[in-house]
Amino acid sequence: MSIKESFAASLPVHDARVLTGEAGLAHILLDGQVYTLRITRAGKLILTK
């Protein structure tokens, strides 16, 4: 296994569709700030404050 593969394997993996549910939206809290994660119709992710 390469260093890159080893590093990637140690990171948590989260399924965006599970996080956002049927609506395709989720709120993410970071240091008291709320961000919105959205899946677009084209299947892209957008994170906005």
PDB file of N, CA and C in Angstrom:
ATOM      1  N   MET A   1       0.858  -1.183   0.000  1.00  0.00           N
ATOM      2  CA  MET A   1       0.000   0.000   0.000  1.00  0.00           C
ATOM      3  C   MET A   1       0.899   1.241   0.000  1.00  0.00           C
ATOM      4  N   SER A   2       0.585   2.212  -0.867  1.00  0.00           N
ATOM      5  CA  SER A   2       1.373   3.440  -0.937  1.00  0.00           C
ATOM      6  C   SER A   2       1.041   4.341   0.247  1.00  0.00           C
ATOM      7  N   ILE A   3       1.858   5.347   0.461  1.00  0.00           N
ATOM      8  CA  ILE A   3       1.611   6.304   1.545  1.00  0.00           C
ATOM      9  C   ILE A   3       0.278   7.015   1.320  1.00  0.00           C
ATOM     10  N   LYS A   4      -0.003   7.372   0.055  1.00  0.00           N
ATOM     11  CA  LYS A   4      -1.266   8.054  -0.272  1.00  0.00           C
ATOM     12  C   LYS A   4      -2.459   7.163   0.062  1.00  0.00           C
ATOM     13  N   GLU A   5      -2.399   5.893  -0.306  1.00  0.00           N
ATOM     14  CA  GLU A   5      -3.489   4.960  -0.009  1.00  0.00           C
ATOM     15  C   GLU A   5      -3.632   4.756   1.489  1.00  0.00           C
ATOM     16  N   SER A   6      -2.528   4.677   2.205  1.00  0.00           N
ATOM     17  CA  SER A   6      -2.552   4.492   3.650  1.00  0.00           C
ATOM     18  C   SER A   6      -3.201   5.694   4.329  1.00  0.00           C
ATOM     19  N   PHE A   7      -2.830   6.898   3.887  1.00  0.00           N
ATOM     20  CA  PHE A   7      -3.402   8.122   4.453  1.00  0.00           C
ATOM     21  C   PHE A   7      -4.901   8.177   4.178  1.00  0.00           C
ATOM     22  N   ALA A   8      -5.302   7.905   2.949  1.00  0.00           N
ATOM     23  CA  ALA A   8      -6.716   7.953   2.575  1.00  0.00           C
ATOM     24  C   ALA A   8      -7.522   6.926   3.356  1.00  0.00           C
ATOM     25  N   ALA A   9      -6.948   5.775   3.613  1.00  0.00           N
ATOM     26  CA  ALA A   9      -7.659   4.721   4.332  1.00  0.00           C
ATOM     27  C   ALA A   9      -7.898   5.112   5.788  1.00  0.00           C
ATOM     28  N   SER A  10      -7.101   6.035   6.332  1.00  0.00           N
ATOM     29  CA  SER A  10      -7.248   6.411   7.736  1.00  0.00           C
ATOM     30  C   SER A  10      -8.263   7.530   7.950  1.00  0.00           C
ATOM     31  N   LEU A  11      -8.769   8.133   6.873  1.00  0.00           N
ATOM     32  CA  LEU A  11      -9.744   9.213   6.997  1.00  0.00           C
ATOM     33  C   LEU A  11     -11.162   8.658   7.117  1.00  0.00           C
ATOM     34  N   PRO A  12     -12.017   9.332   7.897  1.00  0.00           N
ATOM     35  CA  PRO A  12     -13.415   8.886   7.962  1.00  0.00           C
ATOM     36  C   PRO A  12     -14.109   9.123   6.621  1.00  0.00           C
ATOM     37  N   VAL A  13     -15.033   8.259   6.283  1.00  0.00           N
ATOM     38  CA  VAL A  13     -15.805   8.389   5.041  1.00  0.00           C
ATOM     39  C   VAL A  13     -17.274   8.544   5.413  1.00  0.00           C
ATOM     40  N   HIS A  14     -17.917   9.576   4.873  1.00  0.00           N
ATOM     41  CA  HIS A  14     -19.330   9.841   5.137  1.00  0.00           C
ATOM     42  C   HIS A  14     -20.065   9.906   3.813  1.00  0.00           C
ATOM     43  N   ASP A  15     -21.144   9.176   3.687  1.00  0.00           N
ATOM     44  CA  ASP A  15     -21.949   9.180   2.470  1.00  0.00           C
ATOM     45  C   ASP A  15     -22.808  10.447   2.468  1.00  0.00           C
ATOM     46  N   ALA A  16     -22.604  11.326   1.504  1.00  0.00           N
ATOM     47  CA  ALA A  16     -23.320  12.597   1.437  1.00  0.00           C
ATOM     48  C   ALA A  16     -24.826  12.390   1.333  1.00  0.00           C
ATOM     49  N   ARG A  17     -25.257  11.348   0.650  1.00  0.00           N
ATOM     50  CA  ARG A  17     -26.703  11.100   0.511  1.00  0.00           C
ATOM     51  C   ARG A  17     -27.318  10.669   1.842  1.00  0.00           C
ATOM     52  N   VAL A  18     -26.547   9.972   2.657  1.00  0.00           N
ATOM     53  CA  VAL A  18     -27.034   9.603   3.995  1.00  0.00           C
ATOM     54  C   VAL A  18     -27.070  10.856   4.879  1.00  0.00           C
ATOM     55  N   LEU A  19     -26.047  11.692   4.796  1.00  0.00           N
ATOM     56  CA  LEU A  19     -26.008  12.921   5.591  1.00  0.00           C
ATOM     57  C   LEU A  19     -27.150  13.869   5.252  1.00  0.00           C
ATOM     58  N   THR A  20     -27.491  13.986   3.976  1.00  0.00           N
ATOM     59  CA  THR A  20     -28.480  14.966   3.544  1.00  0.00           C
ATOM     60  C   THR A  20     -29.909  14.424   3.473  1.00  0.00           C
ATOM     61  N   GLY A  21     -30.066  13.114   3.473  1.00  0.00           N
ATOM     62  CA  GLY A  21     -31.407  12.531   3.420  1.00  0.00           C
ATOM     63  C   GLY A  21     -32.104  12.798   2.100  1.00  0.00           C
ATOM     64  N   GLU A  22     -33.405  12.579   2.085  1.00  0.00           N
ATOM     65  CA  GLU A  22     -34.187  12.727   0.846  1.00  0.00           C
ATOM     66  C   GLU A  22     -34.207  14.152   0.319  1.00  0.00           C
ATOM     67  N   ALA A  23     -34.090  15.121   1.217  1.00  0.00           N
ATOM     68  CA  ALA A  23     -34.140  16.529   0.805  1.00  0.00           C
ATOM     69  C   ALA A  23     -32.856  16.980   0.115  1.00  0.00           C
ATOM     70  N   GLY A  24     -31.767  16.232   0.308  1.00  0.00           N
ATOM     71  CA  GLY A  24     -30.499  16.627  -0.290  1.00  0.00           C
ATOM     72  C   GLY A  24     -29.851  17.810   0.415  1.00  0.00           C
ATOM     73  N   LEU A  25     -30.262  18.066   1.667  1.00  0.00           N
ATOM     74  CA  LEU A  25     -29.746  19.194   2.448  1.00  0.00           C
ATOM     75  C   LEU A  25     -29.381  18.740   3.853  1.00  0.00           C
ATOM     76  N   ALA A  26     -28.321  19.330   4.383  1.00  0.00           N
ATOM     77  CA  ALA A  26     -27.947  19.067   5.774  1.00  0.00           C
ATOM     78  C   ALA A  26     -27.296  20.312   6.343  1.00  0.00           C
ATOM     79  N   HIS A  27     -27.480  20.546   7.628  1.00  0.00           N
ATOM     80  CA  HIS A  27     -26.763  21.612   8.319  1.00  0.00           C
ATOM     81  C   HIS A  27     -25.564  20.988   9.009  1.00  0.00           C
ATOM     82  N   ILE A  28     -24.429  21.683   8.914  1.00  0.00           N
ATOM     83  CA  ILE A  28     -23.192  21.229   9.539  1.00  0.00           C
ATOM     84  C   ILE A  28     -22.718  22.353  10.452  1.00  0.00           C
ATOM     85  N   LEU A  29     -22.446  22.026  11.703  1.00  0.00           N
ATOM     86  CA  LEU A  29     -22.018  23.009  12.685  1.00  0.00           C
ATOM     87  C   LEU A  29     -20.516  22.923  12.878  1.00  0.00           C
ATOM     88  N   LEU A  30     -19.840  24.081  12.785  1.00  0.00           N
ATOM     89  CA  LEU A  30     -18.398  24.165  13.001  1.00  0.00           C
ATOM     90  C   LEU A  30     -18.097  25.420  13.801  1.00  0.00           C
ATOM     91  N   ASP A  31     -17.593  25.238  15.005  1.00  0.00           N
ATOM     92  CA  ASP A  31     -17.217  26.369  15.869  1.00  0.00           C
ATOM     93  C   ASP A  31     -18.328  27.402  15.998  1.00  0.00           C
ATOM     94  N   GLY A  32     -19.553  26.941  16.181  1.00  0.00           N
ATOM     95  CA  GLY A  32     -20.684  27.835  16.375  1.00  0.00           C
ATOM     96  C   GLY A  32     -21.273  28.390  15.095  1.00  0.00           C
ATOM     97  N   GLN A  33     -20.693  28.090  13.948  1.00  0.00           N
ATOM     98  CA  GLN A  33     -21.203  28.552  12.654  1.00  0.00           C
ATOM     99  C   GLN A  33     -21.961  27.408  11.984  1.00  0.00           C
ATOM    100  N   VAL A  34     -23.098  27.735  11.392  1.00  0.00           N
ATOM    101  CA  VAL A  34     -23.907  26.733  10.703  1.00  0.00           C
ATOM    102  C   VAL A  34     -23.674  26.850   9.204  1.00  0.00           C
ATOM    103  N   TYR A  35     -23.343  25.738   8.576  1.00  0.00           N
ATOM    104  CA  TYR A  35     -23.144  25.656   7.136  1.00  0.00           C
ATOM    105  C   TYR A  35     -24.223  24.748   6.560  1.00  0.00           C
ATOM    106  N   THR A  36     -24.560  24.953   5.304  1.00  0.00           N
ATOM    107  CA  THR A  36     -25.531  24.106   4.617  1.00  0.00           C
ATOM    108  C   THR A  36     -24.815  23.305   3.544  1.00  0.00           C
ATOM    109  N   LEU A  37     -24.983  21.994   3.606  1.00  0.00           N
ATOM    110  CA  LEU A  37     -24.460  21.094   2.585  1.00  0.00           C
ATOM    111  C   LEU A  37     -25.625  20.722   1.684  1.00  0.00           C
ATOM    112  N   ARG A  38     -25.442  20.919   0.381  1.00  0.00           N
ATOM    113  CA  ARG A  38     -26.518  20.670  -0.578  1.00  0.00           C
ATOM    114  C   ARG A  38     -25.990  19.809  -1.725  1.00  0.00           C
ATOM    115  N   ILE A  39     -26.807  18.857  -2.159  1.00  0.00           N
ATOM    116  CA  ILE A  39     -26.504  18.089  -3.366  1.00  0.00           C
ATOM    117  C   ILE A  39     -27.319  18.702  -4.495  1.00  0.00           C
ATOM    118  N   THR A  40     -26.641  19.115  -5.558  1.00  0.00           N
ATOM    119  CA  THR A  40     -27.325  19.733  -6.694  1.00  0.00           C
ATOM    120  C   THR A  40     -27.980  18.671  -7.577  1.00  0.00           C
ATOM    121  N   ARG A  41     -28.789  19.119  -8.519  1.00  0.00           N
ATOM    122  CA  ARG A  41     -29.417  18.195  -9.467  1.00  0.00           C
ATOM    123  C   ARG A  41     -28.378  17.462 -10.301  1.00  0.00           C
ATOM    124  N   ALA A  42     -27.229  18.109 -10.502  1.00  0.00           N
ATOM    125  CA  ALA A  42     -26.145  17.510 -11.288  1.00  0.00           C
ATOM    126  C   ALA A  42     -25.281  16.560 -10.457  1.00  0.00           C
ATOM    127  N   GLY A  43     -25.628  16.404  -9.173  1.00  0.00           N
ATOM    128  CA  GLY A  43     -24.890  15.482  -8.318  1.00  0.00           C
ATOM    129  C   GLY A  43     -23.619  16.063  -7.724  1.00  0.00           C
ATOM    130  N   LYS A  44     -23.508  17.382  -7.711  1.00  0.00           N
ATOM    131  CA  LYS A  44     -22.351  18.054  -7.116  1.00  0.00           C
ATOM    132  C   LYS A  44     -22.699  18.468  -5.679  1.00  0.00           C
ATOM    133  N   LEU A  45     -21.643  18.677  -4.876  1.00  0.00           N
ATOM    134  CA  LEU A  45     -21.844  19.144  -3.510  1.00  0.00           C
ATOM    135  C   LEU A  45     -21.522  20.627  -3.416  1.00  0.00           C
ATOM    136  N   ILE A  46     -22.375  21.347  -2.684  1.00  0.00           N
ATOM    137  CA  ILE A  46     -22.144  22.757  -2.406  1.00  0.00           C
ATOM    138  C   ILE A  46     -22.231  22.947  -0.908  1.00  0.00           C
ATOM    139  N   LEU A  47     -21.231  23.614  -0.330  1.00  0.00           N
ATOM    140  CA  LEU A  47     -21.209  23.931   1.088  1.00  0.00           C
ATOM    141  C   LEU A  47     -21.242  25.454   1.204  1.00  0.00           C
ATOM    142  N   THR A  48     -22.295  25.988   1.858  1.00  0.00           N
ATOM    143  CA  THR A  48     -22.419  27.440   2.000  1.00  0.00           C
ATOM    144  C   THR A  48     -22.581  27.801   3.468  1.00  0.00           C
ATOM    145  N   LYS A  49     -22.223  29.024   3.781  1.00  0.00           N
ATOM    146  CA  LYS A  49     -22.331  29.529   5.145  1.00  0.00           C
ATOM    147  C   LYS A  49     -23.648  30.229   5.314  1.00  0.00           C
TER     148      LYS A  49
END
